[in-house]
Amino acid sequence: MVFTLFLLGLLYVVFIGVLFAAGAGAGIIIVIALVLLLLQLFASDKIAMATMGVKEVSPAEEPELHAIVERLCVQADLPKPRVCVMETSMPNAFAMGRTKKSTTVCATRGIIDMLSPGELEGVMAHELTHVINRDVAVMTLAGFFASLAALILQFAFFFGGGYGNNEEEEDIFIVVLASAVVYAVSFLLMRALSRYREFAADRGGAVLTGRPSALASALIKISGTMERVPTQDLRSAEALSAFFIIPARKKKSLLNLFADHPPLEQRLAALERLESQLQGVA
């Protein structure tokens, strides 16, 4: 994970150097991208949840879910987040928020109805580990320059083809080429980082509950049920897919290199090893 972050940082330093060396109005683009970054950090989670119809629930409405979250927060020394439910039969869960004090954890109606209390606790522990690790903020910041590169490419597509001299056209070409390379490499590194963070959340959640097998059982149930979820429901939840404990899409024959979640088999194997370690310590 650290090595991947280092590669992203190195890539972005080189990218900034190319932008300033070539000029081509890079300063304006960076200002626009910074505004978009702030919007992502402070409003994207609220927009996404509002779009998906996520509703905050009280302890009276969902006593078991609140009890699980409260118990885990005491164990992890976390302030209690907003607890929400998404009214869909798709079994899933996610956490959103920049800081530990501005966090929301959400479970779908499908996952609440399907899992046992121990399995649901494992899933919520996974999501709270994302909060502890500040994963939403990390992934947003890590993706900033990928967004900047995409923005430059869009500007070049819509506003390119001017009548500048050869030197200006060459500078613009260099910026566009660098943006394309940065976007492509960032795409791969971001997905690698996302997979590492899922492994970390699995491990942290399993350690928090002391029951890796419960989380493994939940992952098997969720993944198996996801194959039977109507495609229309999966498409409606696609905006939050990267944040879900299991991606909101059916299995595809793409290489794992392009996935934002690790393969289920690898996650289960890691949890099985952790279970053996914990039993050995006990």
Foldseek 3Di string as FASTA:
>chain_A
DVVLLVVLVVLVVVLVVLCVVLPLPLVVLVVVLVVVLVCQQPPVVVVLCVLQVKDFDDCVVPVLLQVLQVVLCVLVVADREGEIERADLQFWKFKDHQASHHIYIYTYPNNVVPADSLLVSLRSQLRVVCRVVSVSNVLSVSCSLLVSLVSLLVCCVVPNDDDDDPSSVVSSVSSNVSSVVSNVVSQLSSLVVLAVSLLVSLLRSCVSSVHSVSNLVSLVVSLVVLQVDDPVVLVSSQVCQSRINHGSDHDDPDDSSNHSHHPSVVSNVSSVVVNVVSVVVD
